Amino acid sequence: FVVSTDTLSNFNQIKGRDMEAFFNEGNISNINVHGNGESIYFPLQGDS
């Protein structure tokens, strides 16, 4: 289960059976979720 917040304090969420997260020079580059994937995502116009 992965949770992150946006500028409006909304909770973007991703869950699944297994997950891989890859990093490039310490920064997260991509996440792969395998099996039973679910997500909640709040697209924003600008930051507000």
ModelCIF file with pLDDT and N, C-alpha, C, O atoms, coordinates in Angstrom:
data_MODEL
#
_entry.id   MODEL 
#
_entity.id                         1 
_entity.type                       polymer 
_entity.pdbx_number_of_molecules   1 
#
_entity_poly.entity_id                      1 
_entity_poly.type                           'polypeptide(L)' 
_entity_poly.nstd_linkage                   no 
_entity_poly.nstd_monomer                   no 
_entity_poly.pdbx_seq_one_letter_code       FVVSTDTLSNFNQIKGRDMEAFFNEGNISNINVHGNGESIYFPLQGDS 
_entity_poly.pdbx_seq_one_letter_code_can   FVVSTDTLSNFNQIKGRDMEAFFNEGNISNINVHGNGESIYFPLQGDS 
_entity_poly.pdbx_strand_id                 A 
#
loop_
_entity_poly_seq.entity_id 
_entity_poly_seq.num 
_entity_poly_seq.mon_id 
_entity_poly_seq.hetero 
1 1  PHE n 
1 2  VAL n 
1 3  VAL n 
1 4  SER n 
1 5  THR n 
1 6  ASP n 
1 7  THR n 
1 8  LEU n 
1 9  SER n 
1 10 ASN n 
1 11 PHE n 
1 12 ASN n 
1 13 GLN n 
1 14 ILE n 
1 15 LYS n 
1 16 GLY n 
1 17 ARG n 
1 18 ASP n 
1 19 MET n 
1 20 GLU n 
1 21 ALA n 
1 22 PHE n 
1 23 PHE n 
1 24 ASN n 
1 25 GLU n 
1 26 GLY n 
1 27 ASN n 
1 28 ILE n 
1 29 SER n 
1 30 ASN n 
1 31 ILE n 
1 32 ASN n 
1 33 VAL n 
1 34 HIS n 
1 35 GLY n 
1 36 ASN n 
1 37 GLY n 
1 38 GLU n 
1 39 SER n 
1 40 ILE n 
1 41 TYR n 
1 42 PHE n 
1 43 PRO n 
1 44 LEU n 
1 45 GLN n 
1 46 GLY n 
1 47 ASP n 
1 48 SER n 
#
_struct_asym.id          A 
_struct_asym.entity_id   1 
#
loop_
_ma_qa_metric.id 
_ma_qa_metric.mode 
_ma_qa_metric.name 
_ma_qa_metric.software_group_id 
_ma_qa_metric.type 
1 global pLDDT . pLDDT 
2 local  pLDDT . pLDDT 
#
_ma_qa_metric_global.metric_id      1 
_ma_qa_metric_global.metric_value   88.17 
_ma_qa_metric_global.model_id       1 
_ma_qa_metric_global.ordinal_id     1 
#
loop_
_ma_qa_metric_local.label_asym_id 
_ma_qa_metric_local.label_comp_id 
_ma_qa_metric_local.label_seq_id 
_ma_qa_metric_local.metric_id 
_ma_qa_metric_local.metric_value 
_ma_qa_metric_local.model_id 
_ma_qa_metric_local.ordinal_id 
A PHE 1  2 95.00 1 1  
A VAL 2  2 92.00 1 2  
A VAL 3  2 92.00 1 3  
A SER 4  2 87.00 1 4  
A THR 5  2 87.00 1 5  
A ASP 6  2 84.00 1 6  
A THR 7  2 84.00 1 7  
A LEU 8  2 87.00 1 8  
A SER 9  2 88.00 1 9  
A ASN 10 2 90.00 1 10 
A PHE 11 2 92.00 1 11 
A ASN 12 2 90.00 1 12 
A GLN 13 2 91.00 1 13 
A ILE 14 2 91.00 1 14 
A LYS 15 2 92.00 1 15 
A GLY 16 2 93.00 1 16 
A ARG 17 2 94.00 1 17 
A ASP 18 2 95.00 1 18 
A MET 19 2 93.00 1 19 
A GLU 20 2 93.00 1 20 
A ALA 21 2 89.00 1 21 
A PHE 22 2 90.00 1 22 
A PHE 23 2 86.00 1 23 
A ASN 24 2 83.00 1 24 
A GLU 25 2 78.00 1 25 
A GLY 26 2 72.00 1 26 
A ASN 27 2 79.00 1 27 
A ILE 28 2 81.00 1 28 
A SER 29 2 86.00 1 29 
A ASN 30 2 88.00 1 30 
A ILE 31 2 89.00 1 31 
A ASN 32 2 93.00 1 32 
A VAL 33 2 93.00 1 33 
A HIS 34 2 93.00 1 34 
A GLY 35 2 92.00 1 35 
A ASN 36 2 91.00 1 36 
A GLY 37 2 91.00 1 37 
A GLU 38 2 92.00 1 38 
A SER 39 2 91.00 1 39 
A ILE 40 2 91.00 1 40 
A TYR 41 2 87.00 1 41 
A PHE 42 2 88.00 1 42 
A PRO 43 2 86.00 1 43 
A LEU 44 2 86.00 1 44 
A GLN 45 2 85.00 1 45 
A GLY 46 2 80.00 1 46 
A ASP 47 2 79.00 1 47 
A SER 48 2 83.00 1 48 
#
loop_
_atom_site.group_PDB 
_atom_site.id 
_atom_site.type_symbol 
_atom_site.label_atom_id 
_atom_site.label_alt_id 
_atom_site.label_comp_id 
_atom_site.label_asym_id 
_atom_site.label_entity_id 
_atom_site.label_seq_id 
_atom_site.pdbx_PDB_ins_code 
_atom_site.Cartn_x 
_atom_site.Cartn_y 
_atom_site.Cartn_z 
_atom_site.occupancy 
_atom_site.B_iso_or_equiv 
_atom_site.pdbx_formal_charge 
_atom_site.auth_seq_id 
_atom_site.auth_comp_id 
_atom_site.auth_asym_id 
_atom_site.auth_atom_id 
_atom_site.pdbx_PDB_model_num 
ATOM 1   N N  . PHE A 1 1  ? 0.864  -1.178 0.000   1.00 95.00 ? 1  PHE A N  1 
ATOM 2   C CA . PHE A 1 1  ? 0.000  0.000  0.000   1.00 95.00 ? 1  PHE A CA 1 
ATOM 3   C C  . PHE A 1 1  ? 0.905  1.234  0.000   1.00 95.00 ? 1  PHE A C  1 
ATOM 4   O O  . PHE A 1 1  ? 1.773  1.377  0.861   1.00 95.00 ? 1  PHE A O  1 
ATOM 5   N N  . VAL A 1 2  ? 0.689  2.142  -0.997  1.00 92.00 ? 2  VAL A N  1 
ATOM 6   C CA . VAL A 1 2  ? 1.454  3.378  -1.084  1.00 92.00 ? 2  VAL A CA 1 
ATOM 7   C C  . VAL A 1 2  ? 0.496  4.557  -0.988  1.00 92.00 ? 2  VAL A C  1 
ATOM 8   O O  . VAL A 1 2  ? -0.543 4.599  -1.647  1.00 92.00 ? 2  VAL A O  1 
ATOM 9   N N  . VAL A 1 3  ? 0.878  5.510  -0.145  1.00 92.00 ? 3  VAL A N  1 
ATOM 10  C CA . VAL A 1 3  ? 0.079  6.722  0.018   1.00 92.00 ? 3  VAL A CA 1 
ATOM 11  C C  . VAL A 1 3  ? 1.002  7.927  -0.148  1.00 92.00 ? 3  VAL A C  1 
ATOM 12  O O  . VAL A 1 3  ? 2.117  7.947  0.374   1.00 92.00 ? 3  VAL A O  1 
ATOM 13  N N  . SER A 1 4  ? 0.513  8.946  -0.896  1.00 87.00 ? 4  SER A N  1 
ATOM 14  C CA . SER A 1 4  ? 1.234  10.213 -0.986  1.00 87.00 ? 4  SER A CA 1 
ATOM 15  C C  . SER A 1 4  ? 0.225  11.345 -0.951  1.00 87.00 ? 4  SER A C  1 
ATOM 16  O O  . SER A 1 4  ? -0.947 11.144 -1.267  1.00 87.00 ? 4  SER A O  1 
ATOM 17  N N  . THR A 1 5  ? 0.666  12.520 -0.573  1.00 87.00 ? 5  THR A N  1 
ATOM 18  C CA . THR A 1 5  ? -0.235 13.672 -0.500  1.00 87.00 ? 5  THR A CA 1 
ATOM 19  C C  . THR A 1 5  ? 0.117  14.680 -1.594  1.00 87.00 ? 5  THR A C  1 
ATOM 20  O O  . THR A 1 5  ? 1.260  14.766 -2.044  1.00 87.00 ? 5  THR A O  1 
ATOM 21  N N  . ASP A 1 6  ? -0.887 15.429 -2.002  1.00 84.00 ? 6  ASP A N  1 
ATOM 22  C CA . ASP A 1 6  ? -0.650 16.505 -2.966  1.00 84.00 ? 6  ASP A CA 1 
ATOM 23  C C  . ASP A 1 6  ? -0.690 17.843 -2.249  1.00 84.00 ? 6  ASP A C  1 
ATOM 24  O O  . ASP A 1 6  ? -0.730 17.899 -1.020  1.00 84.00 ? 6  ASP A O  1 
ATOM 25  N N  . THR A 1 7  ? -0.679 18.916 -3.021  1.00 84.00 ? 7  THR A N  1 
ATOM 26  C CA . THR A 1 7  ? -0.616 20.259 -2.426  1.00 84.00 ? 7  THR A CA 1 
ATOM 27  C C  . THR A 1 7  ? -1.901 20.622 -1.694  1.00 84.00 ? 7  THR A C  1 
ATOM 28  O O  . THR A 1 7  ? -1.918 21.556 -0.891  1.00 84.00 ? 7  THR A O  1 
ATOM 29  N N  . LEU A 1 8  ? -2.989 19.880 -1.970  1.00 87.00 ? 8  LEU A N  1 
ATOM 30  C CA . LEU A 1 8  ? -4.259 20.147 -1.292  1.00 87.00 ? 8  LEU A CA 1 
ATOM 31  C C  . LEU A 1 8  ? -4.529 19.134 -0.185  1.00 87.00 ? 8  LEU A C  1 
ATOM 32  O O  . LEU A 1 8  ? -5.641 19.049 0.337   1.00 87.00 ? 8  LEU A O  1 
ATOM 33  N N  . SER A 1 9  ? -3.479 18.354 0.172   1.00 88.00 ? 9  SER A N  1 
ATOM 34  C CA . SER A 1 9  ? -3.587 17.357 1.248   1.00 88.00 ? 9  SER A CA 1 
ATOM 35  C C  . SER A 1 9  ? -4.537 16.219 0.903   1.00 88.00 ? 9  SER A C  1 
ATOM 36  O O  . SER A 1 9  ? -5.062 15.551 1.793   1.00 88.00 ? 9  SER A O  1 
ATOM 37  N N  . ASN A 1 10 ? -4.759 15.999 -0.398  1.00 90.00 ? 10 ASN A N  1 
ATOM 38  C CA . ASN A 1 10 ? -5.470 14.798 -0.804  1.00 90.00 ? 10 ASN A CA 1 
ATOM 39  C C  . ASN A 1 10 ? -4.529 13.603 -0.719  1.00 90.00 ? 10 ASN A C  1 
ATOM 40  O O  . ASN A 1 10 ? -3.317 13.748 -0.877  1.00 90.00 ? 10 ASN A O  1 
ATOM 41  N N  . PHE A 1 11 ? -5.090 12.422 -0.467  1.00 92.00 ? 11 PHE A N  1 
ATOM 42  C CA . PHE A 1 11 ? -4.289 11.206 -0.353  1.00 92.00 ? 11 PHE A CA 1 
ATOM 43  C C  . PHE A 1 11 ? -4.400 10.406 -1.647  1.00 92.00 ? 11 PHE A C  1 
ATOM 44  O O  . PHE A 1 11 ? -5.425 9.776  -1.908  1.00 92.00 ? 11 PHE A O  1 
ATOM 45  N N  . ASN A 1 12 ? -3.351 10.435 -2.447  1.00 90.00 ? 12 ASN A N  1 
ATOM 46  C CA . ASN A 1 12 ? -3.273 9.541  -3.603  1.00 90.00 ? 12 ASN A CA 1 
ATOM 47  C C  . ASN A 1 12 ? -2.822 8.170  -3.099  1.00 90.00 ? 12 ASN A C  1 
ATOM 48  O O  . ASN A 1 12 ? -1.855 8.064  -2.344  1.00 90.00 ? 12 ASN A O  1 
ATOM 49  N N  . GLN A 1 13 ? -3.534 7.120  -3.524  1.00 91.00 ? 13 GLN A N  1 
ATOM 50  C CA . GLN A 1 13 ? -3.309 5.789  -2.951  1.00 91.00 ? 13 GLN A CA 1 
ATOM 51  C C  . GLN A 1 13 ? -3.171 4.742  -4.042  1.00 91.00 ? 13 GLN A C  1 
ATOM 52  O O  . GLN A 1 13 ? -3.834 4.796  -5.079  1.00 91.00 ? 13 GLN A O  1 
ATOM 53  N N  . ILE A 1 14 ? -2.286 3.782  -3.775  1.00 91.00 ? 14 ILE A N  1 
ATOM 54  C CA . ILE A 1 14 ? -2.114 2.637  -4.667  1.00 91.00 ? 14 ILE A CA 1 
ATOM 55  C C  . ILE A 1 14 ? -1.930 1.414  -3.784  1.00 91.00 ? 14 ILE A C  1 
ATOM 56  O O  . ILE A 1 14 ? -1.128 1.431  -2.850  1.00 91.00 ? 14 ILE A O  1 
ATOM 57  N N  . LYS A 1 15 ? -2.662 0.364  -4.074  1.00 92.00 ? 15 LYS A N  1 
ATOM 58  C CA . LYS A 1 15 ? -2.493 -0.878 -3.320  1.00 92.00 ? 15 LYS A CA 1 
ATOM 59  C C  . LYS A 1 15 ? -2.514 -2.061 -4.271  1.00 92.00 ? 15 LYS A C  1 
ATOM 60  O O  . LYS A 1 15 ? -3.027 -1.971 -5.386  1.00 92.00 ? 15 LYS A O  1 
ATOM 61  N N  . GLY A 1 16 ? -1.950 -3.167 -3.814  1.00 93.00 ? 16 GLY A N  1 
ATOM 62  C CA . GLY A 1 16 ? -1.917 -4.380 -4.610  1.00 93.00 ? 16 GLY A CA 1 
ATOM 63  C C  . GLY A 1 16 ? -1.275 -5.507 -3.814  1.00 93.00 ? 16 GLY A C  1 
ATOM 64  O O  . GLY A 1 16 ? -0.953 -5.367 -2.634  1.00 93.00 ? 16 GLY A O  1 
ATOM 65  N N  . ARG A 1 17 ? -1.101 -6.639 -4.513  1.00 94.00 ? 17 ARG A N  1 
ATOM 66  C CA . ARG A 1 17 ? -0.512 -7.781 -3.831  1.00 94.00 ? 17 ARG A CA 1 
ATOM 67  C C  . ARG A 1 17 ? 0.959  -7.522 -3.571  1.00 94.00 ? 17 ARG A C  1 
ATOM 68  O O  . ARG A 1 17 ? 1.385  -7.507 -2.417  1.00 94.00 ? 17 ARG A O  1 
ATOM 69  N N  . ASP A 1 18 ? 1.747  -7.316 -4.622  1.00 95.00 ? 18 ASP A N  1 
ATOM 70  C CA . ASP A 1 18 ? 3.181  -7.055 -4.510  1.00 95.00 ? 18 ASP A CA 1 
ATOM 71  C C  . ASP A 1 18 ? 3.517  -5.776 -5.264  1.00 95.00 ? 18 ASP A C  1 
ATOM 72  O O  . ASP A 1 18 ? 2.799  -5.352 -6.169  1.00 95.00 ? 18 ASP A O  1 
ATOM 73  N N  . MET A 1 19 ? 4.645  -5.172 -4.857  1.00 93.00 ? 19 MET A N  1 
ATOM 74  C CA . MET A 1 19 ? 5.005  -3.895 -5.453  1.00 93.00 ? 19 MET A CA 1 
ATOM 75  C C  . MET A 1 19 ? 6.514  -3.783 -5.568  1.00 93.00 ? 19 MET A C  1 
ATOM 76  O O  . MET A 1 19 ? 7.247  -4.238 -4.691  1.00 93.00 ? 19 MET A O  1 
ATOM 77  N N  . GLU A 1 20 ? 6.981  -3.168 -6.665  1.00 93.00 ? 20 GLU A N  1 
ATOM 78  C CA . GLU A 1 20 ? 8.386  -2.838 -6.864  1.00 93.00 ? 20 GLU A CA 1 
ATOM 79  C C  . GLU A 1 20 ? 8.507  -1.334 -7.041  1.00 93.00 ? 20 GLU A C  1 
ATOM 80  O O  . GLU A 1 20 ? 7.751  -0.736 -7.806  1.00 93.00 ? 20 GLU A O  1 
ATOM 81  N N  . ALA A 1 21 ? 9.435  -0.730 -6.353  1.00 89.00 ? 21 ALA A N  1 
ATOM 82  C CA . ALA A 1 21 ? 9.704  0.699  -6.521  1.00 89.00 ? 21 ALA A CA 1 
ATOM 83  C C  . ALA A 1 21 ? 11.161 0.858  -6.924  1.00 89.00 ? 21 ALA A C  1 
ATOM 84  O O  . ALA A 1 21 ? 12.050 0.304  -6.277  1.00 89.00 ? 21 ALA A O  1 
ATOM 85  N N  . PHE A 1 22 ? 11.410 1.612  -7.990  1.00 90.00 ? 22 PHE A N  1 
ATOM 86  C CA . PHE A 1 22 ? 12.769 1.824  -8.490  1.00 90.00 ? 22 PHE A CA 1 
ATOM 87  C C  . PHE A 1 22 ? 13.175 3.282  -8.254  1.00 90.00 ? 22 PHE A C  1 
ATOM 88  O O  . PHE A 1 22 ? 12.358 4.201  -8.319  1.00 90.00 ? 22 PHE A O  1 
ATOM 89  N N  . PHE A 1 23 ? 14.484 3.454  -7.975  1.00 86.00 ? 23 PHE A N  1 
ATOM 90  C CA . PHE A 1 23 ? 14.998 4.779  -7.659  1.00 86.00 ? 23 PHE A CA 1 
ATOM 91  C C  . PHE A 1 23 ? 16.181 5.095  -8.569  1.00 86.00 ? 23 PHE A C  1 
ATOM 92  O O  . PHE A 1 23 ? 16.924 4.204  -8.981  1.00 86.00 ? 23 PHE A O  1 
ATOM 93  N N  . ASN A 1 24 ? 16.336 6.363  -8.869  1.00 83.00 ? 24 ASN A N  1 
ATOM 94  C CA . ASN A 1 24 ? 17.451 6.826  -9.683  1.00 83.00 ? 24 ASN A CA 1 
ATOM 95  C C  . ASN A 1 24 ? 18.143 7.955  -8.928  1.00 83.00 ? 24 ASN A C  1 
ATOM 96  O O  . ASN A 1 24 ? 17.571 9.023  -8.709  1.00 83.00 ? 24 ASN A O  1 
ATOM 97  N N  . GLU A 1 25 ? 19.395 7.689  -8.533  1.00 78.00 ? 25 GLU A N  1 
ATOM 98  C CA . GLU A 1 25 ? 20.170 8.645  -7.741  1.00 78.00 ? 25 GLU A CA 1 
ATOM 99  C C  . GLU A 1 25 ? 19.400 9.102  -6.509  1.00 78.00 ? 25 GLU A C  1 
ATOM 100 O O  . GLU A 1 25 ? 19.405 10.280 -6.152  1.00 78.00 ? 25 GLU A O  1 
ATOM 101 N N  . GLY A 1 26 ? 18.743 8.148  -5.873  1.00 72.00 ? 26 GLY A N  1 
ATOM 102 C CA . GLY A 1 26 ? 18.028 8.422  -4.640  1.00 72.00 ? 26 GLY A CA 1 
ATOM 103 C C  . GLY A 1 26 ? 16.622 8.919  -4.822  1.00 72.00 ? 26 GLY A C  1 
ATOM 104 O O  . GLY A 1 26 ? 15.888 9.007  -3.837  1.00 72.00 ? 26 GLY A O  1 
ATOM 105 N N  . ASN A 1 27 ? 16.193 9.255  -6.047  1.00 79.00 ? 27 ASN A N  1 
ATOM 106 C CA . ASN A 1 27 ? 14.843 9.751  -6.315  1.00 79.00 ? 27 ASN A CA 1 
ATOM 107 C C  . ASN A 1 27 ? 13.986 8.638  -6.911  1.00 79.00 ? 27 ASN A C  1 
ATOM 108 O O  . ASN A 1 27 ? 14.450 7.870  -7.754  1.00 79.00 ? 27 ASN A O  1 
ATOM 109 N N  . ILE A 1 28 ? 12.727 8.559  -6.465  1.00 81.00 ? 28 ILE A N  1 
ATOM 110 C CA . ILE A 1 28 ? 11.845 7.518  -6.972  1.00 81.00 ? 28 ILE A CA 1 
ATOM 111 C C  . ILE A 1 28 ? 11.544 7.772  -8.441  1.00 81.00 ? 28 ILE A C  1 
ATOM 112 O O  . ILE A 1 28 ? 11.210 8.894  -8.821  1.00 81.00 ? 28 ILE A O  1 
ATOM 113 N N  . SER A 1 29 ? 11.662 6.728  -9.278  1.00 86.00 ? 29 SER A N  1 
ATOM 114 C CA . SER A 1 29 ? 11.443 6.882  -10.730 1.00 86.00 ? 29 SER A CA 1 
ATOM 115 C C  . SER A 1 29 ? 10.177 6.180  -11.191 1.00 86.00 ? 29 SER A C  1 
ATOM 116 O O  . SER A 1 29 ? 9.448  6.731  -12.016 1.00 86.00 ? 29 SER A O  1 
ATOM 117 N N  . ASN A 1 30 ? 9.889  4.987  -10.692 1.00 88.00 ? 30 ASN A N  1 
ATOM 118 C CA . ASN A 1 30 ? 8.648  4.310  -11.066 1.00 88.00 ? 30 ASN A CA 1 
ATOM 119 C C  . ASN A 1 30 ? 8.297  3.235  -10.052 1.00 88.00 ? 30 ASN A C  1 
ATOM 120 O O  . ASN A 1 30 ? 9.156  2.713  -9.343  1.00 88.00 ? 30 ASN A O  1 
ATOM 121 N N  . ILE A 1 31 ? 6.984  2.915  -10.004 1.00 89.00 ? 31 ILE A N  1 
ATOM 122 C CA . ILE A 1 31 ? 6.472  1.869  -9.123  1.00 89.00 ? 31 ILE A CA 1 
ATOM 123 C C  . ILE A 1 31 ? 5.649  0.908  -9.962  1.00 89.00 ? 31 ILE A C  1 
ATOM 124 O O  . ILE A 1 31 ? 4.804  1.330  -10.752 1.00 89.00 ? 31 ILE A O  1 
ATOM 125 N N  . ASN A 1 32 ? 5.895  -0.387 -9.790  1.00 93.00 ? 32 ASN A N  1 
ATOM 126 C CA . ASN A 1 32 ? 5.126  -1.427 -10.482 1.00 93.00 ? 32 ASN A CA 1 
ATOM 127 C C  . ASN A 1 32 ? 4.338  -2.223 -9.443  1.00 93.00 ? 32 ASN A C  1 
ATOM 128 O O  . ASN A 1 32 ? 4.904  -2.747 -8.484  1.00 93.00 ? 32 ASN A O  1 
ATOM 129 N N  . VAL A 1 33 ? 3.020  -2.305 -9.649  1.00 93.00 ? 33 VAL A N  1 
ATOM 130 C CA . VAL A 1 33 ? 2.149  -3.072 -8.761  1.00 93.00 ? 33 VAL A CA 1 
ATOM 131 C C  . VAL A 1 33 ? 1.701  -4.319 -9.501  1.00 93.00 ? 33 VAL A C  1 
ATOM 132 O O  . VAL A 1 33 ? 1.232  -4.233 -10.636 1.00 93.00 ? 33 VAL A O  1 
ATOM 133 N N  . HIS A 1 34 ? 1.842  -5.483 -8.869  1.00 93.00 ? 34 HIS A N  1 
ATOM 134 C CA . HIS A 1 34 ? 1.513  -6.766 -9.501  1.00 93.00 ? 34 HIS A CA 1 
ATOM 135 C C  . HIS A 1 34 ? 0.419  -7.469 -8.701  1.00 93.00 ? 34 HIS A C  1 
ATOM 136 O O  . HIS A 1 34 ? 0.634  -7.917 -7.575  1.00 93.00 ? 34 HIS A O  1 
ATOM 137 N N  . GLY A 1 35 ? -0.767 -7.553 -9.320  1.00 92.00 ? 35 GLY A N  1 
ATOM 138 C CA . GLY A 1 35 ? -1.865 -8.303 -8.733  1.00 92.00 ? 35 GLY A CA 1 
ATOM 139 C C  . GLY A 1 35 ? -2.761 -7.471 -7.839  1.00 92.00 ? 35 GLY A C  1 
ATOM 140 O O  . GLY A 1 35 ? -2.299 -6.764 -6.944  1.00 92.00 ? 35 GLY A O  1 
ATOM 141 N N  . ASN A 1 36 ? -4.088 -7.575 -8.109  1.00 91.00 ? 36 ASN A N  1 
ATOM 142 C CA . ASN A 1 36 ? -5.115 -6.943 -7.274  1.00 91.00 ? 36 ASN A CA 1 
ATOM 143 C C  . ASN A 1 36 ? -4.904 -5.437 -7.138  1.00 91.00 ? 36 ASN A C  1 
ATOM 144 O O  . ASN A 1 36 ? -5.054 -4.874 -6.054  1.00 91.00 ? 36 ASN A O  1 
ATOM 145 N N  . GLY A 1 37 ? -4.559 -4.805 -8.237  1.00 91.00 ? 37 GLY A N  1 
ATOM 146 C CA . GLY A 1 37 ? -4.268 -3.381 -8.183  1.00 91.00 ? 37 GLY A CA 1 
ATOM 147 C C  . GLY A 1 37 ? -5.492 -2.522 -7.951  1.00 91.00 ? 37 GLY A C  1 
ATOM 148 O O  . GLY A 1 37 ? -6.545 -2.760 -8.542  1.00 91.00 ? 37 GLY A O  1 
ATOM 149 N N  . GLU A 1 38 ? -5.359 -1.523 -7.094  1.00 92.00 ? 38 GLU A N  1 
ATOM 150 C CA . GLU A 1 38 ? -6.394 -0.524 -6.859  1.00 92.00 ? 38 GLU A CA 1 
ATOM 151 C C  . GLU A 1 38 ? -5.701 0.819  -6.702  1.00 92.00 ? 38 GLU A C  1 
ATOM 152 O O  . GLU A 1 38 ? -4.572 0.894  -6.217  1.00 92.00 ? 38 GLU A O  1 
ATOM 153 N N  . SER A 1 39 ? -6.388 1.881  -7.118  1.00 91.00 ? 39 SER A N  1 
ATOM 154 C CA . SER A 1 39 ? -5.799 3.205  -6.933  1.00 91.00 ? 39 SER A CA 1 
ATOM 155 C C  . SER A 1 39 ? -6.878 4.258  -6.774  1.00 91.00 ? 39 SER A C  1 
ATOM 156 O O  . SER A 1 39 ? -7.989 4.140  -7.292  1.00 91.00 ? 39 SER A O  1 
ATOM 157 N N  . ILE A 1 40 ? -6.506 5.291  -6.037  1.00 91.00 ? 40 ILE A N  1 
ATOM 158 C CA . ILE A 1 40 ? -7.273 6.528  -5.973  1.00 91.00 ? 40 ILE A CA 1 
ATOM 159 C C  . ILE A 1 40 ? -6.293 7.641  -6.273  1.00 91.00 ? 40 ILE A C  1 
ATOM 160 O O  . ILE A 1 40 ? -5.244 7.765  -5.640  1.00 91.00 ? 40 ILE A O  1 
ATOM 161 N N  . TYR A 1 41 ? -6.671 8.468  -7.278  1.00 87.00 ? 41 TYR A N  1 
ATOM 162 C CA . TYR A 1 41 ? -5.772 9.539  -7.696  1.00 87.00 ? 41 TYR A CA 1 
ATOM 163 C C  . TYR A 1 41 ? -6.581 10.808 -7.926  1.00 87.00 ? 41 TYR A C  1 
ATOM 164 O O  . TYR A 1 41 ? -7.655 10.778 -8.528  1.00 87.00 ? 41 TYR A O  1 
ATOM 165 N N  . PHE A 1 42 ? -6.045 11.926 -7.435  1.00 88.00 ? 42 PHE A N  1 
ATOM 166 C CA . PHE A 1 42 ? -6.707 13.216 -7.573  1.00 88.00 ? 42 PHE A CA 1 
ATOM 167 C C  . PHE A 1 42 ? -5.929 14.073 -8.574  1.00 88.00 ? 42 PHE A C  1 
ATOM 168 O O  . PHE A 1 42 ? -4.943 14.706 -8.195  1.00 88.00 ? 42 PHE A O  1 
ATOM 169 N N  . PRO A 1 43 ? -6.342 14.107 -9.823  1.00 86.00 ? 43 PRO A N  1 
ATOM 170 C CA . PRO A 1 43 ? -5.686 15.023 -10.767 1.00 86.00 ? 43 PRO A CA 1 
ATOM 171 C C  . PRO A 1 43 ? -6.029 16.478 -10.415 1.00 86.00 ? 43 PRO A C  1 
ATOM 172 O O  . PRO A 1 43 ? -7.166 16.798 -10.067 1.00 86.00 ? 43 PRO A O  1 
ATOM 173 N N  . LEU A 1 44 ? -5.025 17.338 -10.515 1.00 86.00 ? 44 LEU A N  1 
ATOM 174 C CA . LEU A 1 44 ? -5.188 18.732 -10.143 1.00 86.00 ? 44 LEU A CA 1 
ATOM 175 C C  . LEU A 1 44 ? -4.991 19.638 -11.351 1.00 86.00 ? 44 LEU A C  1 
ATOM 176 O O  . LEU A 1 44 ? -4.264 19.313 -12.290 1.00 86.00 ? 44 LEU A O  1 
ATOM 177 N N  . GLN A 1 45 ? -5.658 20.775 -11.295 1.00 85.00 ? 45 GLN A N  1 
ATOM 178 C CA . GLN A 1 45 ? -5.392 21.836 -12.243 1.00 85.00 ? 45 GLN A CA 1 
ATOM 179 C C  . GLN A 1 45 ? -4.498 22.841 -11.531 1.00 85.00 ? 45 GLN A C  1 
ATOM 180 O O  . GLN A 1 45 ? -4.931 23.544 -10.617 1.00 85.00 ? 45 GLN A O  1 
ATOM 181 N N  . GLY A 1 46 ? -3.248 22.895 -11.966 1.00 80.00 ? 46 GLY A N  1 
ATOM 182 C CA . GLY A 1 46 ? -2.272 23.666 -11.200 1.00 80.00 ? 46 GLY A CA 1 
ATOM 183 C C  . GLY A 1 46 ? -2.014 22.971 -9.876  1.00 80.00 ? 46 GLY A C  1 
ATOM 184 O O  . GLY A 1 46 ? -1.930 21.744 -9.816  1.00 80.00 ? 46 GLY A O  1 
ATOM 185 N N  . ASP A 1 47 ? -1.891 23.753 -8.821  1.00 79.00 ? 47 ASP A N  1 
ATOM 186 C CA . ASP A 1 47 ? -1.666 23.169 -7.506  1.00 79.00 ? 47 ASP A CA 1 
ATOM 187 C C  . ASP A 1 47 ? -2.823 23.419 -6.556  1.00 79.00 ? 47 ASP A C  1 
ATOM 188 O O  . ASP A 1 47 ? -2.723 23.126 -5.364  1.00 79.00 ? 47 ASP A O  1 
ATOM 189 N N  . SER A 1 48 ? -3.937 23.965 -7.078  1.00 83.00 ? 48 SER A N  1 
ATOM 190 C CA . SER A 1 48 ? -4.960 24.412 -6.141  1.00 83.00 ? 48 SER A CA 1 
ATOM 191 C C  . SER A 1 48 ? -6.379 23.997 -6.480  1.00 83.00 ? 48 SER A C  1 
ATOM 192 O O  . SER A 1 48 ? -7.311 24.328 -5.747  1.00 83.00 ? 48 SER A O  1 
#
